Amino acid sequence: MATSSTFLERTPPPELYRLAQSLARWRTRPRHGRRIPEALWRAAAGLARIYGVSRVAAALRLSYRDLQRRARARRGAGSPPPAQPAFIQLPVPTAVAGREQLGTVEVVHGSGARLILRLPQAQPQELLPLVRLFLHHRP
Protein backbone atom coordinates (compact mmCIF):
# COMPACT_ATOMS: atom_id res chain seq x y z
CA MET A 1 0.00 0.00 0.00
CA ALA A 2 3.01 2.31 -0.16
CA THR A 3 1.81 3.56 -3.54
CA SER A 4 -1.49 4.79 -2.09
CA SER A 5 0.10 6.71 0.77
CA THR A 6 2.66 8.25 -1.59
CA PHE A 7 -0.12 9.30 -3.94
CA LEU A 8 -2.08 10.91 -1.09
CA GLU A 9 0.99 12.75 0.19
CA ARG A 10 1.75 14.19 -3.27
CA THR A 11 -1.82 15.11 -4.18
CA PRO A 12 -2.59 18.62 -3.01
CA PRO A 13 -5.87 19.12 -1.18
CA PRO A 14 -8.46 20.99 -3.30
CA GLU A 15 -8.43 24.09 -1.09
CA LEU A 16 -4.63 24.32 -1.37
CA TYR A 17 -4.88 24.03 -5.13
CA ARG A 18 -7.52 26.80 -5.29
CA LEU A 19 -5.40 29.11 -3.13
CA ALA A 20 -2.36 28.41 -5.34
CA GLN A 21 -4.43 29.48 -8.35
CA SER A 22 -5.49 32.69 -6.57
CA LEU A 23 -1.89 33.50 -5.70
CA ALA A 24 -0.81 32.78 -9.28
CA ARG A 25 -3.44 35.21 -10.60
CA TRP A 26 -2.32 37.84 -8.08
CA ARG A 27 1.33 37.34 -9.06
CA THR A 28 0.61 37.90 -12.76
CA ARG A 29 -0.61 41.45 -12.15
CA PRO A 30 2.19 43.91 -12.94
CA ARG A 31 3.27 45.91 -9.88
CA HIS A 32 6.65 45.28 -8.40
CA GLY A 33 7.28 45.71 -4.68
CA ARG A 34 3.70 45.04 -3.65
CA ARG A 35 2.65 42.95 -0.68
CA ILE A 36 0.53 39.82 -0.77
CA PRO A 37 -3.05 40.75 0.23
CA GLU A 38 -3.96 39.96 3.82
CA ALA A 39 -6.88 37.75 2.74
CA LEU A 40 -4.47 35.44 0.88
CA TRP A 41 -2.11 35.32 3.89
CA ARG A 42 -5.02 34.44 6.20
CA ALA A 43 -6.13 31.64 3.89
CA ALA A 44 -2.56 30.31 3.66
CA ALA A 45 -2.14 30.45 7.45
CA GLY A 46 -5.37 28.52 7.91
CA LEU A 47 -4.22 25.81 5.51
CA ALA A 48 -0.79 25.71 7.20
CA ARG A 49 -2.47 24.90 10.51
CA ILE A 50 -4.23 21.97 8.83
CA TYR A 51 -1.63 20.60 6.41
CA GLY A 52 1.62 21.89 7.87
CA VAL A 53 3.68 25.01 7.26
CA SER A 54 6.33 23.32 5.14
CA ARG A 55 3.90 21.70 2.73
CA VAL A 56 1.80 24.85 2.27
CA ALA A 57 4.80 27.19 1.96
CA ALA A 58 6.33 24.97 -0.72
CA ALA A 59 3.07 24.54 -2.65
CA LEU A 60 2.28 28.27 -2.59
CA ARG A 61 5.88 29.48 -2.97
CA LEU A 62 5.69 31.54 0.22
CA SER A 63 8.31 32.30 2.85
CA TYR A 64 8.35 29.49 5.40
CA ARG A 65 9.14 31.85 8.30
CA ASP A 66 6.46 34.40 7.36
CA LEU A 67 3.84 31.70 6.96
CA GLN A 68 4.86 30.03 10.22
CA ARG A 69 4.62 33.35 12.09
CA ARG A 70 1.18 34.07 10.67
CA ALA A 71 -0.09 30.55 11.35
CA ARG A 72 1.00 30.82 14.99
CA ALA A 73 -0.31 34.36 15.43
CA ARG A 74 -3.79 33.42 14.25
CA ARG A 75 -4.00 30.53 16.70
CA GLY A 76 -3.12 32.87 19.55
CA ALA A 77 -0.24 32.83 21.99
CA GLY A 78 -2.22 31.49 24.93
CA SER A 79 -4.22 28.79 23.16
CA PRO A 80 -3.03 25.20 23.36
CA PRO A 81 -1.69 23.49 20.25
CA PRO A 82 -4.24 21.51 18.26
CA ALA A 83 -4.92 18.01 19.51
CA GLN A 84 -3.01 15.25 17.79
CA PRO A 85 -5.00 12.52 16.08
CA ALA A 86 -5.94 9.79 18.52
CA PHE A 87 -4.75 6.25 17.92
CA ILE A 88 -7.48 3.66 18.06
CA GLN A 89 -6.68 -0.02 17.80
CA LEU A 90 -9.47 -2.43 17.12
CA PRO A 91 -9.13 -6.17 17.66
CA VAL A 92 -8.49 -7.98 14.40
CA PRO A 93 -10.29 -11.25 13.71
CA THR A 94 -7.99 -14.24 13.54
CA ALA A 95 -6.72 -14.52 9.98
CA VAL A 96 -6.11 -17.70 8.03
CA ALA A 97 -2.39 -18.31 7.44
CA GLY A 98 -1.24 -16.50 4.30
CA ARG A 99 -4.31 -14.26 4.12
CA GLU A 100 -3.14 -11.52 6.50
CA GLN A 101 -2.94 -8.89 3.74
CA LEU A 102 -6.44 -9.49 2.39
CA GLY A 103 -8.83 -6.79 3.51
CA THR A 104 -6.06 -4.36 4.54
CA VAL A 105 -6.53 -0.68 3.71
CA GLU A 106 -4.03 2.02 4.66
CA VAL A 107 -4.90 5.70 4.21
CA VAL A 108 -2.73 8.71 5.08
CA HIS A 109 -4.44 12.08 5.58
CA GLY A 110 -2.70 15.27 4.45
CA SER A 111 -2.32 16.25 8.12
CA GLY A 112 -0.19 13.14 8.72
CA ALA A 113 -2.88 11.10 10.44
CA ARG A 114 -2.89 7.46 9.34
CA LEU A 115 -5.76 4.97 9.16
CA ILE A 116 -5.06 1.25 8.80
CA LEU A 117 -8.01 -1.10 8.49
CA ARG A 118 -7.37 -4.85 8.59
CA LEU A 119 -10.72 -6.48 8.06
CA PRO A 120 -10.28 -9.58 5.87
CA GLN A 121 -14.02 -10.31 5.71
CA ALA A 122 -15.11 -6.74 4.86
CA GLN A 123 -16.44 -5.75 1.47
CA PRO A 124 -15.17 -2.53 -0.19
CA GLN A 125 -18.59 -0.87 0.09
CA GLU A 126 -18.43 -1.41 3.87
CA LEU A 127 -15.03 0.29 4.17
CA LEU A 128 -15.77 3.30 1.96
CA PRO A 129 -17.83 5.22 4.59
CA LEU A 130 -15.02 4.79 7.15
CA VAL A 131 -12.38 6.04 4.73
CA ARG A 132 -14.54 9.03 3.72
CA LEU A 133 -15.16 9.93 7.37
CA PHE A 134 -11.44 9.74 8.10
CA LEU A 135 -10.44 11.87 5.08
CA HIS A 136 -13.03 14.57 5.76
CA HIS A 137 -12.34 14.83 9.51
CA ARG A 138 -10.66 18.11 10.55
CA PRO A 139 -8.55 17.70 13.71
C-alpha atoms as a PDB file:
ATOM      1  CA  MET A   1       0.000   0.000   0.000  1.00  0.00           C
ATOM      2  CA  ALA A   2       3.013   2.314  -0.165  1.00  0.00           C
ATOM      3  CA  THR A   3       1.813   3.561  -3.538  1.00  0.00           C
ATOM      4  CA  SER A   4      -1.485   4.791  -2.095  1.00  0.00           C
ATOM      5  CA  SER A   5       0.099   6.707   0.766  1.00  0.00           C
ATOM      6  CA  THR A   6       2.663   8.254  -1.588  1.00  0.00           C
ATOM      7  CA  PHE A   7      -0.125   9.295  -3.944  1.00  0.00           C
ATOM      8  CA  LEU A   8      -2.080  10.909  -1.091  1.00  0.00           C
ATOM      9  CA  GLU A   9       0.988  12.754   0.191  1.00  0.00           C
ATOM     10  CA  ARG A  10       1.745  14.187  -3.268  1.00  0.00           C
ATOM     11  CA  THR A  11      -1.819  15.105  -4.177  1.00  0.00           C
ATOM     12  CA  PRO A  12      -2.591  18.623  -3.009  1.00  0.00           C
ATOM     13  CA  PRO A  13      -5.874  19.122  -1.177  1.00  0.00           C
ATOM     14  CA  PRO A  14      -8.461  20.989  -3.303  1.00  0.00           C
ATOM     15  CA  GLU A  15      -8.431  24.085  -1.095  1.00  0.00           C
ATOM     16  CA  LEU A  16      -4.628  24.323  -1.368  1.00  0.00           C
ATOM     17  CA  TYR A  17      -4.881  24.032  -5.126  1.00  0.00           C
ATOM     18  CA  ARG A  18      -7.517  26.795  -5.287  1.00  0.00           C
ATOM     19  CA  LEU A  19      -5.396  29.110  -3.131  1.00  0.00           C
ATOM     20  CA  ALA A  20      -2.359  28.410  -5.340  1.00  0.00           C
ATOM     21  CA  GLN A  21      -4.432  29.477  -8.349  1.00  0.00           C
ATOM     22  CA  SER A  22      -5.493  32.689  -6.567  1.00  0.00           C
ATOM     23  CA  LEU A  23      -1.888  33.495  -5.704  1.00  0.00           C
ATOM     24  CA  ALA A  24      -0.807  32.779  -9.281  1.00  0.00           C
ATOM     25  CA  ARG A  25      -3.438  35.207 -10.601  1.00  0.00           C
ATOM     26  CA  TRP A  26      -2.319  37.837  -8.085  1.00  0.00           C
ATOM     27  CA  ARG A  27       1.329  37.344  -9.059  1.00  0.00           C
ATOM     28  CA  THR A  28       0.607  37.905 -12.758  1.00  0.00           C
ATOM     29  CA  ARG A  29      -0.612  41.451 -12.152  1.00  0.00           C
ATOM     30  CA  PRO A  30       2.190  43.914 -12.943  1.00  0.00           C
ATOM     31  CA  ARG A  31       3.270  45.913  -9.880  1.00  0.00           C
ATOM     32  CA  HIS A  32       6.650  45.277  -8.396  1.00  0.00           C
ATOM     33  CA  GLY A  33       7.282  45.707  -4.681  1.00  0.00           C
ATOM     34  CA  ARG A  34       3.701  45.042  -3.645  1.00  0.00           C
ATOM     35  CA  ARG A  35       2.651  42.947  -0.677  1.00  0.00           C
ATOM     36  CA  ILE A  36       0.527  39.820  -0.775  1.00  0.00           C
ATOM     37  CA  PRO A  37      -3.045  40.750   0.232  1.00  0.00           C
ATOM     38  CA  GLU A  38      -3.958  39.955   3.824  1.00  0.00           C
ATOM     39  CA  ALA A  39      -6.876  37.749   2.742  1.00  0.00           C
ATOM     40  CA  LEU A  40      -4.473  35.442   0.881  1.00  0.00           C
ATOM     41  CA  TRP A  41      -2.115  35.320   3.885  1.00  0.00           C
ATOM     42  CA  ARG A  42      -5.024  34.439   6.196  1.00  0.00           C
ATOM     43  CA  ALA A  43      -6.128  31.639   3.891  1.00  0.00           C
ATOM     44  CA  ALA A  44      -2.560  30.310   3.655  1.00  0.00           C
ATOM     45  CA  ALA A  45      -2.137  30.449   7.448  1.00  0.00           C
ATOM     46  CA  GLY A  46      -5.372  28.523   7.913  1.00  0.00           C
ATOM     47  CA  LEU A  47      -4.216  25.815   5.514  1.00  0.00           C
ATOM     48  CA  ALA A  48      -0.793  25.715   7.202  1.00  0.00           C
ATOM     49  CA  ARG A  49      -2.467  24.900  10.508  1.00  0.00           C
ATOM     50  CA  ILE A  50      -4.234  21.973   8.829  1.00  0.00           C
ATOM     51  CA  TYR A  51      -1.633  20.601   6.409  1.00  0.00           C
ATOM     52  CA  GLY A  52       1.624  21.889   7.871  1.00  0.00           C
ATOM     53  CA  VAL A  53       3.680  25.013   7.260  1.00  0.00           C
ATOM     54  CA  SER A  54       6.333  23.320   5.140  1.00  0.00           C
ATOM     55  CA  ARG A  55       3.897  21.699   2.733  1.00  0.00           C
ATOM     56  CA  VAL A  56       1.799  24.847   2.273  1.00  0.00           C
ATOM     57  CA  ALA A  57       4.796  27.191   1.959  1.00  0.00           C
ATOM     58  CA  ALA A  58       6.328  24.975  -0.722  1.00  0.00           C
ATOM     59  CA  ALA A  59       3.074  24.542  -2.646  1.00  0.00           C
ATOM     60  CA  LEU A  60       2.279  28.270  -2.593  1.00  0.00           C
ATOM     61  CA  ARG A  61       5.881  29.476  -2.967  1.00  0.00           C
ATOM     62  CA  LEU A  62       5.688  31.535   0.223  1.00  0.00           C
ATOM     63  CA  SER A  63       8.309  32.305   2.847  1.00  0.00           C
ATOM     64  CA  TYR A  64       8.354  29.486   5.398  1.00  0.00           C
ATOM     65  CA  ARG A  65       9.136  31.848   8.299  1.00  0.00           C
ATOM     66  CA  ASP A  66       6.465  34.399   7.358  1.00  0.00           C
ATOM     67  CA  LEU A  67       3.844  31.695   6.963  1.00  0.00           C
ATOM     68  CA  GLN A  68       4.865  30.033  10.224  1.00  0.00           C
ATOM     69  CA  ARG A  69       4.624  33.349  12.094  1.00  0.00           C
ATOM     70  CA  ARG A  70       1.181  34.074  10.665  1.00  0.00           C
ATOM     71  CA  ALA A  71      -0.092  30.547  11.349  1.00  0.00           C
ATOM     72  CA  ARG A  72       1.004  30.818  14.989  1.00  0.00           C
ATOM     73  CA  ALA A  73      -0.314  34.356  15.430  1.00  0.00           C
ATOM     74  CA  ARG A  74      -3.790  33.423  14.248  1.00  0.00           C
ATOM     75  CA  ARG A  75      -4.001  30.533  16.696  1.00  0.00           C
ATOM     76  CA  GLY A  76      -3.122  32.868  19.548  1.00  0.00           C
ATOM     77  CA  ALA A  77      -0.240  32.826  21.986  1.00  0.00           C
ATOM     78  CA  GLY A  78      -2.223  31.490  24.933  1.00  0.00           C
ATOM     79  CA  SER A  79      -4.217  28.793  23.163  1.00  0.00           C
ATOM     80  CA  PRO A  80      -3.031  25.205  23.360  1.00  0.00           C
ATOM     81  CA  PRO A  81      -1.691  23.490  20.252  1.00  0.00           C
ATOM     82  CA  PRO A  82      -4.243  21.510  18.257  1.00  0.00           C
ATOM     83  CA  ALA A  83      -4.923  18.013  19.514  1.00  0.00           C
ATOM     84  CA  GLN A  84      -3.008  15.246  17.795  1.00  0.00           C
ATOM     85  CA  PRO A  85      -5.001  12.522  16.079  1.00  0.00           C
ATOM     86  CA  ALA A  86      -5.945   9.789  18.524  1.00  0.00           C
ATOM     87  CA  PHE A  87      -4.755   6.252  17.916  1.00  0.00           C
ATOM     88  CA  ILE A  88      -7.481   3.659  18.064  1.00  0.00           C
ATOM     89  CA  GLN A  89      -6.678  -0.018  17.796  1.00  0.00           C
ATOM     90  CA  LEU A  90      -9.474  -2.432  17.116  1.00  0.00           C
ATOM     91  CA  PRO A  91      -9.126  -6.172  17.664  1.00  0.00           C
ATOM     92  CA  VAL A  92      -8.487  -7.984  14.405  1.00  0.00           C
ATOM     93  CA  PRO A  93     -10.294 -11.249  13.710  1.00  0.00           C
ATOM     94  CA  THR A  94      -7.986 -14.243  13.541  1.00  0.00           C
ATOM     95  CA  ALA A  95      -6.721 -14.524   9.975  1.00  0.00           C
ATOM     96  CA  VAL A  96      -6.110 -17.698   8.032  1.00  0.00           C
ATOM     97  CA  ALA A  97      -2.389 -18.311   7.439  1.00  0.00           C
ATOM     98  CA  GLY A  98      -1.237 -16.497   4.299  1.00  0.00           C
ATOM     99  CA  ARG A  99      -4.308 -14.257   4.118  1.00  0.00           C
ATOM    100  CA  GLU A 100      -3.142 -11.517   6.502  1.00  0.00           C
ATOM    101  CA  GLN A 101      -2.941  -8.887   3.743  1.00  0.00           C
ATOM    102  CA  LEU A 102      -6.443  -9.493   2.388  1.00  0.00           C
ATOM    103  CA  GLY A 103      -8.827  -6.788   3.513  1.00  0.00           C
ATOM    104  CA  THR A 104      -6.057  -4.357   4.543  1.00  0.00           C
ATOM    105  CA  VAL A 105      -6.527  -0.678   3.705  1.00  0.00           C
ATOM    106  CA  GLU A 106      -4.027   2.015   4.663  1.00  0.00           C
ATOM    107  CA  VAL A 107      -4.900   5.696   4.209  1.00  0.00           C
ATOM    108  CA  VAL A 108      -2.734   8.714   5.075  1.00  0.00           C
ATOM    109  CA  HIS A 109      -4.444  12.080   5.577  1.00  0.00           C
ATOM    110  CA  GLY A 110      -2.698  15.266   4.451  1.00  0.00           C
ATOM    111  CA  SER A 111      -2.320  16.251   8.121  1.00  0.00           C
ATOM    112  CA  GLY A 112      -0.189  13.145   8.719  1.00  0.00           C
ATOM    113  CA  ALA A 113      -2.878  11.099  10.435  1.00  0.00           C
ATOM    114  CA  ARG A 114      -2.889   7.464   9.338  1.00  0.00           C
ATOM    115  CA  LEU A 115      -5.756   4.974   9.162  1.00  0.00           C
ATOM    116  CA  ILE A 116      -5.061   1.254   8.796  1.00  0.00           C
ATOM    117  CA  LEU A 117      -8.010  -1.105   8.495  1.00  0.00           C
ATOM    118  CA  ARG A 118      -7.367  -4.847   8.592  1.00  0.00           C
ATOM    119  CA  LEU A 119     -10.720  -6.484   8.060  1.00  0.00           C
ATOM    120  CA  PRO A 120     -10.277  -9.584   5.868  1.00  0.00           C
ATOM    121  CA  GLN A 121     -14.019 -10.309   5.707  1.00  0.00           C
ATOM    122  CA  ALA A 122     -15.105  -6.739   4.864  1.00  0.00           C
ATOM    123  CA  GLN A 123     -16.444  -5.748   1.471  1.00  0.00           C
ATOM    124  CA  PRO A 124     -15.172  -2.527  -0.191  1.00  0.00           C
ATOM    125  CA  GLN A 125     -18.593  -0.874   0.091  1.00  0.00           C
ATOM    126  CA  GLU A 126     -18.431  -1.412   3.871  1.00  0.00           C
ATOM    127  CA  LEU A 127     -15.028   0.293   4.167  1.00  0.00           C
ATOM    128  CA  LEU A 128     -15.766   3.296   1.964  1.00  0.00           C
ATOM    129  CA  PRO A 129     -17.825   5.221   4.586  1.00  0.00           C
ATOM    130  CA  LEU A 130     -15.016   4.787   7.150  1.00  0.00           C
ATOM    131  CA  VAL A 131     -12.381   6.042   4.728  1.00  0.00           C
ATOM    132  CA  ARG A 132     -14.539   9.026   3.719  1.00  0.00           C
ATOM    133  CA  LEU A 133     -15.161   9.935   7.366  1.00  0.00           C
ATOM    134  CA  PHE A 134     -11.439   9.745   8.095  1.00  0.00           C
ATOM    135  CA  LEU A 135     -10.440  11.874   5.082  1.00  0.00           C
ATOM    136  CA  HIS A 136     -13.033  14.570   5.755  1.00  0.00           C
ATOM    137  CA  HIS A 137     -12.338  14.826   9.505  1.00  0.00           C
ATOM    138  CA  ARG A 138     -10.661  18.108  10.553  1.00  0.00           C
ATOM    139  CA  PRO A 139      -8.549  17.697  13.711  1.00  0.00           C
END
